[in-house]
Amino acid sequence: MTDIIYAIATYIALAAMVLAFLRFILGPKAVDRVVALDSLTIISLSLIVCIACMSGRTIYIDIALVYGLISFVGIVAIARYLERGV
């Protein structure tokens, strides 16, 4: 039963990733692309956690945490760059 729930969650996350990628490609402004990039990283984090739960390996959750921290720092750096125009 839990395998079915994980599979459904994975398919929903993949569909959301496609939509966010379309916004990343078609975004008229740089701010739209930054928000789409942030959405893509959050969705990929959820996919990594789903894979960790399905496989039973907890090391993937640690990888997701590190990836989330790096993503946060990167998005903040991009946002500051766009704000100041440096």
PDB file of N, CA and C in Angstrom:
ATOM      1  N   MET A   1       0.821  -1.195   0.000  1.00  0.00           N
ATOM      2  CA  MET A   1       0.000   0.000   0.000  1.00  0.00           C
ATOM      3  C   MET A   1       0.867   1.261   0.000  1.00  0.00           C
ATOM      4  N   THR A   2       1.934   1.257   0.804  1.00  0.00           N
ATOM      5  CA  THR A   2       2.791   2.447   0.837  1.00  0.00           C
ATOM      6  C   THR A   2       3.558   2.623  -0.468  1.00  0.00           C
ATOM      7  N   ASP A   3       3.835   1.513  -1.164  1.00  0.00           N
ATOM      8  CA  ASP A   3       4.504   1.629  -2.454  1.00  0.00           C
ATOM      9  C   ASP A   3       3.634   2.366  -3.462  1.00  0.00           C
ATOM     10  N   ILE A   4       2.349   2.130  -3.393  1.00  0.00           N
ATOM     11  CA  ILE A   4       1.415   2.824  -4.295  1.00  0.00           C
ATOM     12  C   ILE A   4       1.379   4.311  -3.975  1.00  0.00           C
ATOM     13  N   ILE A   5       1.386   4.641  -2.702  1.00  0.00           N
ATOM     14  CA  ILE A   5       1.362   6.051  -2.296  1.00  0.00           C
ATOM     15  C   ILE A   5       2.648   6.747  -2.728  1.00  0.00           C
ATOM     16  N   TYR A   6       3.788   6.087  -2.558  1.00  0.00           N
ATOM     17  CA  TYR A   6       5.055   6.671  -3.000  1.00  0.00           C
ATOM     18  C   TYR A   6       5.097   6.837  -4.515  1.00  0.00           C
ATOM     19  N   ALA A   7       4.538   5.875  -5.234  1.00  0.00           N
ATOM     20  CA  ALA A   7       4.502   5.965  -6.696  1.00  0.00           C
ATOM     21  C   ALA A   7       3.623   7.125  -7.143  1.00  0.00           C
ATOM     22  N   ILE A   8       2.482   7.298  -6.512  1.00  0.00           N
ATOM     23  CA  ILE A   8       1.595   8.417  -6.852  1.00  0.00           C
ATOM     24  C   ILE A   8       2.270   9.743  -6.534  1.00  0.00           C
ATOM     25  N   ALA A   9       2.917   9.825  -5.382  1.00  0.00           N
ATOM     26  CA  ALA A   9       3.622  11.056  -5.013  1.00  0.00           C
ATOM     27  C   ALA A   9       4.752  11.356  -5.987  1.00  0.00           C
ATOM     28  N   THR A  10       5.435  10.323  -6.443  1.00  0.00           N
ATOM     29  CA  THR A  10       6.518  10.519  -7.409  1.00  0.00           C
ATOM     30  C   THR A  10       5.980  11.039  -8.728  1.00  0.00           C
ATOM     31  N   TYR A  11       4.882  10.483  -9.205  1.00  0.00           N
ATOM     32  CA  TYR A  11       4.296  10.949 -10.466  1.00  0.00           C
ATOM     33  C   TYR A  11       3.778  12.384 -10.356  1.00  0.00           C
ATOM     34  N   ILE A  12       3.203  12.717  -9.233  1.00  0.00           N
ATOM     35  CA  ILE A  12       2.730  14.092  -9.035  1.00  0.00           C
ATOM     36  C   ILE A  12       3.920  15.053  -9.002  1.00  0.00           C
ATOM     37  N   ALA A  13       4.993  14.665  -8.330  1.00  0.00           N
ATOM     38  CA  ALA A  13       6.187  15.513  -8.278  1.00  0.00           C
ATOM     39  C   ALA A  13       6.822  15.657  -9.655  1.00  0.00           C
ATOM     40  N   LEU A  14       6.818  14.592 -10.444  1.00  0.00           N
ATOM     41  CA  LEU A  14       7.361  14.686 -11.797  1.00  0.00           C
ATOM     42  C   LEU A  14       6.520  15.612 -12.670  1.00  0.00           C
ATOM     43  N   ALA A  15       5.204  15.557 -12.524  1.00  0.00           N
ATOM     44  CA  ALA A  15       4.337  16.465 -13.273  1.00  0.00           C
ATOM     45  C   ALA A  15       4.571  17.917 -12.854  1.00  0.00           C
ATOM     46  N   ALA A  16       4.746  18.134 -11.565  1.00  0.00           N
ATOM     47  CA  ALA A  16       5.039  19.482 -11.077  1.00  0.00           C
ATOM     48  C   ALA A  16       6.393  19.952 -11.578  1.00  0.00           C
ATOM     49  N   MET A  17       7.344  19.034 -11.693  1.00  0.00           N
ATOM     50  CA  MET A  17       8.666  19.397 -12.191  1.00  0.00           C
ATOM     51  C   MET A  17       8.597  19.822 -13.658  1.00  0.00           C
ATOM     52  N   VAL A  18       7.780  19.149 -14.441  1.00  0.00           N
ATOM     53  CA  VAL A  18       7.613  19.530 -15.849  1.00  0.00           C
ATOM     54  C   VAL A  18       7.011  20.926 -15.949  1.00  0.00           C
ATOM     55  N   LEU A  19       6.004  21.197 -15.131  1.00  0.00           N
ATOM     56  CA  LEU A  19       5.375  22.523 -15.153  1.00  0.00           C
ATOM     57  C   LEU A  19       6.339  23.619 -14.701  1.00  0.00           C
ATOM     58  N   ALA A  20       7.115  23.337 -13.677  1.00  0.00           N
ATOM     59  CA  ALA A  20       8.094  24.327 -13.212  1.00  0.00           C
ATOM     60  C   ALA A  20       9.191  24.532 -14.244  1.00  0.00           C
ATOM     61  N   PHE A  21       9.574  23.475 -14.942  1.00  0.00           N
ATOM     62  CA  PHE A  21      10.583  23.620 -15.982  1.00  0.00           C
ATOM     63  C   PHE A  21      10.059  24.462 -17.145  1.00  0.00           C
ATOM     64  N   LEU A  22       8.781  24.295 -17.464  1.00  0.00           N
ATOM     65  CA  LEU A  22       8.182  25.143 -18.500  1.00  0.00           C
ATOM     66  C   LEU A  22       8.191  26.606 -18.078  1.00  0.00           C
ATOM     67  N   ARG A  23       7.910  26.873 -16.812  1.00  0.00           N
ATOM     68  CA  ARG A  23       7.964  28.255 -16.329  1.00  0.00           C
ATOM     69  C   ARG A  23       9.395  28.767 -16.368  1.00  0.00           C
ATOM     70  N   PHE A  24      10.342  27.896 -16.099  1.00  0.00           N
ATOM     71  CA  PHE A  24      11.747  28.295 -16.161  1.00  0.00           C
ATOM     72  C   PHE A  24      12.146  28.668 -17.587  1.00  0.00           C
ATOM     73  N   ILE A  25      11.683  27.916 -18.553  1.00  0.00           N
ATOM     74  CA  ILE A  25      12.022  28.186 -19.944  1.00  0.00           C
ATOM     75  C   ILE A  25      11.250  29.390 -20.484  1.00  0.00           C
ATOM     76  N   LEU A  26       9.963  29.472 -20.186  1.00  0.00           N
ATOM     77  CA  LEU A  26       9.097  30.491 -20.782  1.00  0.00           C
ATOM     78  C   LEU A  26       8.957  31.757 -19.953  1.00  0.00           C
ATOM     79  N   GLY A  27       9.559  31.793 -18.766  1.00  0.00           N
ATOM     80  CA  GLY A  27       9.397  32.950 -17.892  1.00  0.00           C
ATOM     81  C   GLY A  27       9.819  34.243 -18.557  1.00  0.00           C
ATOM     82  N   PRO A  28       8.949  35.236 -18.587  1.00  0.00           N
ATOM     83  CA  PRO A  28       9.318  36.466 -19.290  1.00  0.00           C
ATOM     84  C   PRO A  28      10.374  37.294 -18.554  1.00  0.00           C
ATOM     85  N   LYS A  29      10.448  37.157 -17.254  1.00  0.00           N
ATOM     86  CA  LYS A  29      11.400  37.943 -16.466  1.00  0.00           C
ATOM     87  C   LYS A  29      12.379  37.023 -15.757  1.00  0.00           C
ATOM     88  N   ALA A  30      13.477  37.606 -15.326  1.00  0.00           N
ATOM     89  CA  ALA A  30      14.480  36.828 -14.587  1.00  0.00           C
ATOM     90  C   ALA A  30      13.944  36.382 -13.234  1.00  0.00           C
ATOM     91  N   VAL A  31      13.083  37.192 -12.640  1.00  0.00           N
ATOM     92  CA  VAL A  31      12.516  36.822 -11.335  1.00  0.00           C
ATOM     93  C   VAL A  31      11.646  35.574 -11.470  1.00  0.00           C
ATOM     94  N   ASP A  32      10.896  35.467 -12.567  1.00  0.00           N
ATOM     95  CA  ASP A  32      10.093  34.262 -12.793  1.00  0.00           C
ATOM     96  C   ASP A  32      10.976  33.031 -12.921  1.00  0.00           C
ATOM     97  N   ARG A  33      12.105  33.197 -13.566  1.00  0.00           N
ATOM     98  CA  ARG A  33      13.018  32.065 -13.726  1.00  0.00           C
ATOM     99  C   ARG A  33      13.651  31.665 -12.401  1.00  0.00           C
ATOM    100  N   VAL A  34      13.934  32.633 -11.551  1.00  0.00           N
ATOM    101  CA  VAL A  34      14.512  32.325 -10.237  1.00  0.00           C
ATOM    102  C   VAL A  34      13.499  31.577  -9.375  1.00  0.00           C
ATOM    103  N   VAL A  35      12.259  32.014  -9.408  1.00  0.00           N
ATOM    104  CA  VAL A  35      11.210  31.323  -8.640  1.00  0.00           C
ATOM    105  C   VAL A  35      11.008  29.913  -9.183  1.00  0.00           C
ATOM    106  N   ALA A  36      11.044  29.763 -10.505  1.00  0.00           N
ATOM    107  CA  ALA A  36      10.909  28.433 -11.094  1.00  0.00           C
ATOM    108  C   ALA A  36      12.088  27.539 -10.720  1.00  0.00           C
ATOM    109  N   LEU A  37      13.285  28.109 -10.687  1.00  0.00           N
ATOM    110  CA  LEU A  37      14.459  27.340 -10.282  1.00  0.00           C
ATOM    111  C   LEU A  37      14.348  26.887  -8.830  1.00  0.00           C
ATOM    112  N   ASP A  38      13.852  27.774  -7.979  1.00  0.00           N
ATOM    113  CA  ASP A  38      13.646  27.409  -6.583  1.00  0.00           C
ATOM    114  C   ASP A  38      12.590  26.310  -6.465  1.00  0.00           C
ATOM    115  N   SER A  39      11.545  26.418  -7.255  1.00  0.00           N
ATOM    116  CA  SER A  39      10.515  25.372  -7.257  1.00  0.00           C
ATOM    117  C   SER A  39      11.083  24.044  -7.732  1.00  0.00           C
ATOM    118  N   LEU A  40      11.921  24.097  -8.752  1.00  0.00           N
ATOM    119  CA  LEU A  40      12.538  22.865  -9.241  1.00  0.00           C
ATOM    120  C   LEU A  40      13.403  22.205  -8.173  1.00  0.00           C
ATOM    121  N   THR A  41      14.137  22.991  -7.430  1.00  0.00           N
ATOM    122  CA  THR A  41      14.982  22.397  -6.387  1.00  0.00           C
ATOM    123  C   THR A  41      14.141  21.812  -5.259  1.00  0.00           C
ATOM    124  N   ILE A  42      13.059  22.482  -4.906  1.00  0.00           N
ATOM    125  CA  ILE A  42      12.191  21.954  -3.850  1.00  0.00           C
ATOM    126  C   ILE A  42      11.519  20.659  -4.296  1.00  0.00           C
ATOM    127  N   ILE A  43      11.076  20.622  -5.544  1.00  0.00           N
ATOM    128  CA  ILE A  43      10.448  19.408  -6.062  1.00  0.00           C
ATOM    129  C   ILE A  43      11.464  18.278  -6.136  1.00  0.00           C
ATOM    130  N   SER A  44      12.682  18.590  -6.552  1.00  0.00           N
ATOM    131  CA  SER A  44      13.700  17.540  -6.608  1.00  0.00           C
ATOM    132  C   SER A  44      14.058  17.036  -5.209  1.00  0.00           C
ATOM    133  N   LEU A  45      13.996  17.922  -4.220  1.00  0.00           N
ATOM    134  CA  LEU A  45      14.203  17.474  -2.837  1.00  0.00           C
ATOM    135  C   LEU A  45      13.123  16.480  -2.420  1.00  0.00           C
ATOM    136  N   SER A  46      11.882  16.767  -2.796  1.00  0.00           N
ATOM    137  CA  SER A  46      10.804  15.834  -2.450  1.00  0.00           C
ATOM    138  C   SER A  46      10.973  14.507  -3.180  1.00  0.00           C
ATOM    139  N   LEU A  47      11.471  14.552  -4.416  1.00  0.00           N
ATOM    140  CA  LEU A  47      11.731  13.297  -5.132  1.00  0.00           C
ATOM    141  C   LEU A  47      12.846  12.493  -4.468  1.00  0.00           C
ATOM    142  N   ILE A  48      13.877  13.174  -4.011  1.00  0.00           N
ATOM    143  CA  ILE A  48      14.970  12.477  -3.326  1.00  0.00           C
ATOM    144  C   ILE A  48      14.458  11.816  -2.051  1.00  0.00           C
ATOM    145  N   VAL A  49      13.594  12.499  -1.321  1.00  0.00           N
ATOM    146  CA  VAL A  49      13.040  11.915  -0.090  1.00  0.00           C
ATOM    147  C   VAL A  49      12.125  10.741  -0.417  1.00  0.00           C
ATOM    148  N   CYS A  50      11.337  10.851  -1.497  1.00  0.00           N
ATOM    149  CA  CYS A  50      10.493   9.712  -1.909  1.00  0.00           C
ATOM    150  C   CYS A  50      11.353   8.505  -2.264  1.00  0.00           C
ATOM    151  N   ILE A  51      12.449   8.746  -2.973  1.00  0.00           N
ATOM    152  CA  ILE A  51      13.354   7.649  -3.322  1.00  0.00           C
ATOM    153  C   ILE A  51      13.974   7.053  -2.061  1.00  0.00           C
ATOM    154  N   ALA A  52      14.298   7.909  -1.098  1.00  0.00           N
ATOM    155  CA  ALA A  52      14.865   7.408   0.162  1.00  0.00           C
ATOM    156  C   ALA A  52      13.860   6.539   0.902  1.00  0.00           C
ATOM    157  N   CYS A  53      12.606   6.945   0.896  1.00  0.00           N
ATOM    158  CA  CYS A  53      11.592   6.149   1.588  1.00  0.00           C
ATOM    159  C   CYS A  53      11.315   4.834   0.866  1.00  0.00           C
ATOM    160  N   MET A  54      11.318   4.873  -0.467  1.00  0.00           N
ATOM    161  CA  MET A  54      11.049   3.642  -1.217  1.00  0.00           C
ATOM    162  C   MET A  54      12.199   2.645  -1.104  1.00  0.00           C
ATOM    163  N   SER A  55      13.430   3.152  -1.106  1.00  0.00           N
ATOM    164  CA  SER A  55      14.571   2.242  -1.068  1.00  0.00           C
ATOM    165  C   SER A  55      14.969   1.861   0.358  1.00  0.00           C
ATOM    166  N   GLY A  56      14.552   2.642   1.339  1.00  0.00           N
ATOM    167  CA  GLY A  56      14.892   2.341   2.719  1.00  0.00           C
ATOM    168  C   GLY A  56      16.279   2.804   3.123  1.00  0.00           C
ATOM    169  N   ARG A  57      16.891   3.646   2.322  1.00  0.00           N
ATOM    170  CA  ARG A  57      18.233   4.152   2.634  1.00  0.00           C
ATOM    171  C   ARG A  57      18.120   5.564   3.189  1.00  0.00           C
ATOM    172  N   THR A  58      18.593   5.757   4.394  1.00  0.00           N
ATOM    173  CA  THR A  58      18.481   7.066   5.030  1.00  0.00           C
ATOM    174  C   THR A  58      19.571   8.033   4.588  1.00  0.00           C
ATOM    175  N   ILE A  59      20.579   7.548   3.904  1.00  0.00           N
ATOM    176  CA  ILE A  59      21.649   8.434   3.454  1.00  0.00           C
ATOM    177  C   ILE A  59      21.124   9.435   2.429  1.00  0.00           C
ATOM    178  N   TYR A  60      20.079   9.052   1.694  1.00  0.00           N
ATOM    179  CA  TYR A  60      19.500   9.969   0.714  1.00  0.00           C
ATOM    180  C   TYR A  60      18.864  11.183   1.379  1.00  0.00           C
ATOM    181  N   ILE A  61      18.382  11.015   2.584  1.00  0.00           N
ATOM    182  CA  ILE A  61      17.792  12.154   3.301  1.00  0.00           C
ATOM    183  C   ILE A  61      18.886  13.147   3.680  1.00  0.00           C
ATOM    184  N   ASP A  62      20.045  12.639   4.060  1.00  0.00           N
ATOM    185  CA  ASP A  62      21.176  13.532   4.333  1.00  0.00           C
ATOM    186  C   ASP A  62      21.600  14.280   3.068  1.00  0.00           C
ATOM    187  N   ILE A  63      21.600  13.588   1.950  1.00  0.00           N
ATOM    188  CA  ILE A  63      21.931  14.230   0.677  1.00  0.00           C
ATOM    189  C   ILE A  63      20.910  15.310   0.353  1.00  0.00           C
ATOM    190  N   ALA A  64      19.633  15.038   0.615  1.00  0.00           N
ATOM    191  CA  ALA A  64      18.586  16.028   0.360  1.00  0.00           C
ATOM    192  C   ALA A  64      18.768  17.259   1.242  1.00  0.00           C
ATOM    193  N   LEU A  65      19.180  17.068   2.486  1.00  0.00           N
ATOM    194  CA  LEU A  65      19.419  18.209   3.369  1.00  0.00           C
ATOM    195  C   LEU A  65      20.564  19.080   2.868  1.00  0.00           C
ATOM    196  N   VAL A  66      21.648  18.455   2.458  1.00  0.00           N
ATOM    197  CA  VAL A  66      22.789  19.213   1.945  1.00  0.00           C
ATOM    198  C   VAL A  66      22.409  19.930   0.652  1.00  0.00           C
ATOM    199  N   TYR A  67      21.688  19.244  -0.211  1.00  0.00           N
ATOM    200  CA  TYR A  67      21.238  19.845  -1.466  1.00  0.00           C
ATOM    201  C   TYR A  67      20.311  21.024  -1.200  1.00  0.00           C
ATOM    202  N   GLY A  68      19.451  20.911  -0.200  1.00  0.00           N
ATOM    203  CA  GLY A  68      18.559  22.012   0.165  1.00  0.00           C
ATOM    204  C   GLY A  68      19.319  23.224   0.674  1.00  0.00           C
ATOM    205  N   LEU A  69      20.342  22.992   1.482  1.00  0.00           N
ATOM    206  CA  LEU A  69      21.156  24.107   1.986  1.00  0.00           C
ATOM    207  C   LEU A  69      21.915  24.803   0.857  1.00  0.00           C
ATOM    208  N   ILE A  70      22.497  24.020  -0.033  1.00  0.00           N
ATOM    209  CA  ILE A  70      23.217  24.615  -1.163  1.00  0.00           C
ATOM    210  C   ILE A  70      22.255  25.370  -2.067  1.00  0.00           C
ATOM    211  N   SER A  71      21.085  24.823  -2.273  1.00  0.00           N
ATOM    212  CA  SER A  71      20.078  25.485  -3.096  1.00  0.00           C
ATOM    213  C   SER A  71      19.638  26.807  -2.476  1.00  0.00           C
ATOM    214  N   PHE A  72      19.448  26.811  -1.176  1.00  0.00           N
ATOM    215  CA  PHE A  72      19.036  28.038  -0.500  1.00  0.00           C
ATOM    216  C   PHE A  72      20.087  29.128  -0.659  1.00  0.00           C
ATOM    217  N   VAL A  73      21.342  28.778  -0.442  1.00  0.00           N
ATOM    218  CA  VAL A  73      22.412  29.763  -0.581  1.00  0.00           C
ATOM    219  C   VAL A  73      22.494  30.263  -2.018  1.00  0.00           C
ATOM    220  N   GLY A  74      22.333  29.366  -2.984  1.00  0.00           N
ATOM    221  CA  GLY A  74      22.382  29.769  -4.386  1.00  0.00           C
ATOM    222  C   GLY A  74      21.243  30.693  -4.774  1.00  0.00           C
ATOM    223  N   ILE A  75      20.049  30.406  -4.310  1.00  0.00           N
ATOM    224  CA  ILE A  75      18.892  31.244  -4.633  1.00  0.00           C
ATOM    225  C   ILE A  75      19.032  32.613  -3.977  1.00  0.00           C
ATOM    226  N   VAL A  76      19.530  32.661  -2.756  1.00  0.00           N
ATOM    227  CA  VAL A  76      19.746  33.952  -2.094  1.00  0.00           C
ATOM    228  C   VAL A  76      20.796  34.766  -2.847  1.00  0.00           C
ATOM    229  N   ALA A  77      21.855  34.112  -3.303  1.00  0.00           N
ATOM    230  CA  ALA A  77      22.889  34.822  -4.063  1.00  0.00           C
ATOM    231  C   ALA A  77      22.335  35.361  -5.378  1.00  0.00           C
ATOM    232  N   ILE A  78      21.538  34.581  -6.069  1.00  0.00           N
ATOM    233  CA  ILE A  78      20.934  35.037  -7.321  1.00  0.00           C
ATOM    234  C   ILE A  78      19.972  36.182  -7.060  1.00  0.00           C
ATOM    235  N   ALA A  79      19.184  36.089  -6.006  1.00  0.00           N
ATOM    236  CA  ALA A  79      18.222  37.156  -5.690  1.00  0.00           C
ATOM    237  C   ALA A  79      18.947  38.453  -5.338  1.00  0.00           C
ATOM    238  N   ARG A  80      20.036  38.351  -4.592  1.00  0.00           N
ATOM    239  CA  ARG A  80      20.801  39.566  -4.272  1.00  0.00           C
ATOM    240  C   ARG A  80      21.440  40.158  -5.509  1.00  0.00           C
ATOM    241  N   TYR A  81      21.884  39.325  -6.421  1.00  0.00           N
ATOM    242  CA  TYR A  81      22.458  39.794  -7.670  1.00  0.00           C
ATOM    243  C   TYR A  81      21.403  40.532  -8.496  1.00  0.00           C
ATOM    244  N   LEU A  82      20.213  39.960  -8.580  1.00  0.00           N
ATOM    245  CA  LEU A  82      19.157  40.611  -9.355  1.00  0.00           C
ATOM    246  C   LEU A  82      18.674  41.900  -8.689  1.00  0.00           C
ATOM    247  N   GLU A  83      18.711  41.933  -7.362  1.00  0.00           N
ATOM    248  CA  GLU A  83      18.257  43.124  -6.649  1.00  0.00           C
ATOM    249  C   GLU A  83      19.222  44.287  -6.837  1.00  0.00           C
ATOM    250  N   ARG A  84      20.504  44.017  -6.768  1.00  0.00           N
ATOM    251  CA  ARG A  84      21.501  45.082  -6.855  1.00  0.00           C
ATOM    252  C   ARG A  84      22.007  45.309  -8.274  1.00  0.00           C
ATOM    253  N   GLY A  85      21.908  44.295  -9.121  1.00  0.00           N
ATOM    254  CA  GLY A  85      22.424  44.429 -10.460  1.00  0.00           C
ATOM    255  C   GLY A  85      23.922  44.508 -10.533  1.00  0.00           C
ATOM    256  N   VAL A  86      24.595  43.835  -9.597  1.00  0.00           N
ATOM    257  CA  VAL A  86      26.061  43.865  -9.518  1.00  0.00           C
ATOM    258  C   VAL A  86      26.669  43.146 -10.683  1.00  0.00           C
TER     259      VAL A  86
END
